Protein backbone atom coordinates (compact mmCIF):
# COMPACT_ATOMS: atom_id res chain seq x y z
CA MET A 1 -29.34 1.25 -2.55
CA GLU A 2 -31.50 3.19 -4.96
CA ASN A 3 -35.14 2.11 -4.84
CA GLN A 4 -36.00 3.27 -8.35
CA VAL A 5 -36.68 0.31 -10.62
CA LEU A 6 -34.58 0.65 -13.74
CA THR A 7 -36.25 0.42 -17.15
CA GLN A 8 -34.57 -1.61 -19.90
CA ASP A 9 -33.39 1.61 -21.54
CA LYS A 10 -31.96 2.87 -18.24
CA ILE A 11 -30.24 -0.49 -17.60
CA ILE A 12 -28.61 -0.29 -21.04
CA GLU A 13 -27.56 3.33 -20.46
CA GLU A 14 -26.11 2.58 -17.01
CA LEU A 15 -24.28 -0.56 -18.17
CA ASN A 16 -22.80 1.32 -21.12
CA GLU A 17 -21.39 3.81 -18.61
CA VAL A 18 -19.68 0.95 -16.76
CA LEU A 19 -18.59 -0.65 -20.03
CA GLN A 20 -17.05 2.66 -21.08
CA ILE A 21 -14.80 2.78 -18.01
CA ASP A 22 -13.60 -0.79 -18.71
CA ILE A 23 -12.89 0.05 -22.36
CA ASP A 24 -10.97 3.11 -21.22
CA ALA A 25 -9.07 1.02 -18.65
CA VAL A 26 -7.88 -1.41 -21.35
CA GLY A 27 -6.18 1.44 -23.21
CA ALA A 28 -4.55 2.72 -20.02
CA TYR A 29 -3.33 -0.77 -19.08
CA GLN A 30 -1.90 -1.33 -22.56
CA SER A 31 0.08 1.90 -22.20
CA ALA A 32 1.25 0.96 -18.70
CA ILE A 33 2.35 -2.50 -19.80
CA ASP A 34 4.28 -1.00 -22.73
CA GLN A 35 6.04 1.42 -20.35
CA CYS A 36 6.93 -1.08 -17.62
CA ASP A 37 10.27 -2.92 -17.60
CA GLU A 38 9.87 -5.08 -14.48
CA VAL A 39 8.65 -8.60 -15.31
CA MET A 40 6.58 -9.20 -12.17
CA ILE A 41 4.86 -5.82 -12.37
CA LYS A 42 4.23 -6.20 -16.10
CA GLN A 43 2.70 -9.67 -15.52
CA GLN A 44 0.40 -8.32 -12.81
CA LEU A 45 -0.73 -5.47 -15.04
CA MET A 46 -1.39 -7.97 -17.85
CA SER A 47 -3.56 -9.98 -15.46
CA PHE A 48 -5.55 -6.85 -14.62
CA LEU A 49 -5.88 -6.05 -18.33
CA ARG A 50 -7.39 -9.52 -18.87
CA ASP A 51 -9.89 -8.83 -16.06
CA HIS A 52 -11.00 -5.65 -17.84
CA GLU A 53 -11.30 -7.54 -21.13
CA ARG A 54 -13.51 -10.13 -19.38
CA HIS A 55 -15.62 -7.34 -17.89
CA ILE A 56 -16.12 -5.94 -21.40
CA VAL A 57 -17.25 -9.31 -22.79
CA ASP A 58 -19.65 -9.86 -19.87
CA LEU A 59 -21.13 -6.35 -20.00
CA GLU A 60 -21.53 -6.41 -23.80
CA ALA A 61 -23.45 -9.69 -23.53
CA ILE A 62 -25.80 -8.28 -20.90
CA ILE A 63 -26.38 -5.08 -22.88
CA ARG A 64 -27.20 -7.09 -26.02
CA ARG A 65 -29.47 -9.41 -24.02
CA CYS A 66 -31.33 -6.30 -22.83
CA GLY A 67 -31.77 -5.20 -26.47
CA GLY A 68 -29.09 -2.53 -26.44
CA GLU A 69 -26.00 -1.70 -28.42
CA PRO A 70 -22.75 -1.68 -26.43
CA VAL A 71 -20.36 1.26 -26.72
CA LYS A 72 -17.29 0.24 -28.69
CA THR A 73 -14.51 2.80 -28.38
CA PRO A 74 -12.76 4.82 -25.70
CA ASP A 75 -14.28 8.21 -25.01
CA VAL A 76 -12.44 11.49 -24.35
CA LYS A 77 -11.73 10.46 -20.76
CA GLY A 78 -10.34 7.14 -22.01
CA PHE A 79 -8.10 8.86 -24.52
CA PHE A 80 -6.91 11.18 -21.74
CA ARG A 81 -6.25 8.27 -19.32
CA LYS A 82 -4.30 6.35 -21.96
CA THR A 83 -2.29 9.43 -22.95
CA MET A 84 -1.55 10.42 -19.35
CA THR A 85 -0.45 6.86 -18.54
CA LYS A 86 1.84 6.89 -21.57
CA VAL A 87 3.30 10.25 -20.58
CA ALA A 88 3.70 9.08 -16.97
CA GLY A 89 5.58 6.06 -18.32
CA LEU A 90 8.31 8.39 -19.51
CA GLY A 91 9.01 8.97 -15.82
CA GLY A 92 9.45 5.26 -15.16
CA THR A 93 7.50 2.56 -13.40
CA GLU A 94 6.73 4.64 -10.32
CA ALA A 95 5.00 7.35 -12.36
CA THR A 96 3.21 4.71 -14.45
CA LEU A 97 1.86 2.96 -11.36
CA LYS A 98 0.76 6.26 -9.84
CA ALA A 99 -1.14 7.05 -13.05
CA MET A 100 -2.74 3.60 -12.92
CA LEU A 101 -3.68 4.14 -9.28
CA SER A 102 -5.57 7.26 -10.33
CA ASN A 103 -7.21 5.34 -13.20
CA GLU A 104 -8.27 2.51 -10.88
CA ARG A 105 -9.67 5.02 -8.39
CA ALA A 106 -11.95 6.34 -11.15
CA THR A 107 -12.94 2.81 -12.19
CA ASN A 108 -13.70 1.85 -8.59
CA ASP A 109 -15.85 4.96 -8.20
CA VAL A 110 -17.94 4.05 -11.25
CA TYR A 111 -18.43 0.46 -10.09
CA ALA A 112 -19.23 1.53 -6.50
CA LYS A 113 -21.90 3.92 -7.78
CA HIS A 114 -23.47 1.31 -10.06
CA CYS A 115 -23.48 -1.42 -7.42
CA GLN A 116 -25.89 0.81 -5.45
CA LYS A 117 -28.46 0.89 -8.25
CA SER A 118 -31.54 -1.33 -8.49
CA PHE A 119 -30.37 -3.68 -11.22
CA PRO A 120 -31.89 -7.13 -11.53
CA PRO A 121 -30.01 -9.59 -9.26
CA ASP A 122 -28.14 -11.37 -12.09
CA ILE A 123 -26.77 -8.06 -13.42
CA LEU A 124 -25.92 -6.85 -9.92
CA ASP A 125 -23.97 -10.08 -9.34
CA VAL A 126 -21.80 -9.36 -12.41
CA LEU A 127 -21.26 -5.75 -11.35
CA ARG A 128 -20.29 -6.80 -7.82
CA ARG A 129 -17.87 -9.44 -9.10
CA ASN A 130 -16.26 -6.90 -11.44
CA TYR A 131 -16.13 -4.35 -8.60
CA GLY A 132 -14.29 -6.94 -6.50
CA ASP A 133 -11.71 -7.18 -9.30
CA GLU A 134 -11.38 -3.40 -9.34
CA GLN A 135 -10.86 -3.24 -5.59
CA ARG A 136 -8.15 -5.91 -5.92
CA HIS A 137 -6.46 -3.97 -8.75
CA PHE A 138 -6.47 -0.75 -6.73
CA SER A 139 -5.16 -2.50 -3.62
CA TRP A 140 -2.31 -4.21 -5.49
CA ILE A 141 -1.22 -1.05 -7.30
CA LYS A 142 -1.38 0.98 -4.07
CA THR A 143 0.76 -1.63 -2.30
CA ALA A 144 3.19 -1.69 -5.23
CA VAL A 145 3.56 2.10 -5.01
CA ASP A 146 3.80 2.14 -1.21
CA GLN A 147 6.40 -0.66 -1.17
CA ARG A 148 8.22 0.66 -4.26
CA LEU A 149 8.14 -2.79 -5.87
CA TRP A 150 9.95 -1.58 -9.00
CA GLU A 151 13.10 -1.20 -6.91
CA THR A 152 13.21 -4.93 -6.15
CA ALA A 153 11.54 -6.37 -9.25
CA ALA A 154 13.66 -7.85 -12.01
CA PRO A 155 13.73 -5.86 -15.27
CA GLN A 156 12.42 -7.38 -18.50
CA PRO A 157 15.29 -9.18 -20.27
CA SER A 158 16.49 -7.47 -23.47
CA VAL A 159 15.88 -9.35 -26.67
């Protein structure tokens, strides 16, 4: 754990970095959901998307409470993640899930790093809860890839 006490400006800067990865994740999840045909996998990805949307709401509120302005749009990395997920989707669910595994690895890394910083306890609690979600996302996607869930999952019915 870092011992350096974070100033309000540093708290806002650090939380915007975490917020950015969640904003970027939403775009990647939207692409993955659009590319996925299997109902059960699509539903799970939608659940993870909702977690990221909740993280965004929570982080924006904290940043505003600290007197800051939350970032609003995906950055270059977010655009790249969304685009790569969309391109991977052309290769089917396996490629999509592998792209999402890479995306979740990056998200987990950001949360792990920030959970080591000297945030006030209430902020650290939110970061740790969100990090728990990210670990769960990564674990589920890794299991889905390892067990090749798309081979046994039912496809989305045609309309």
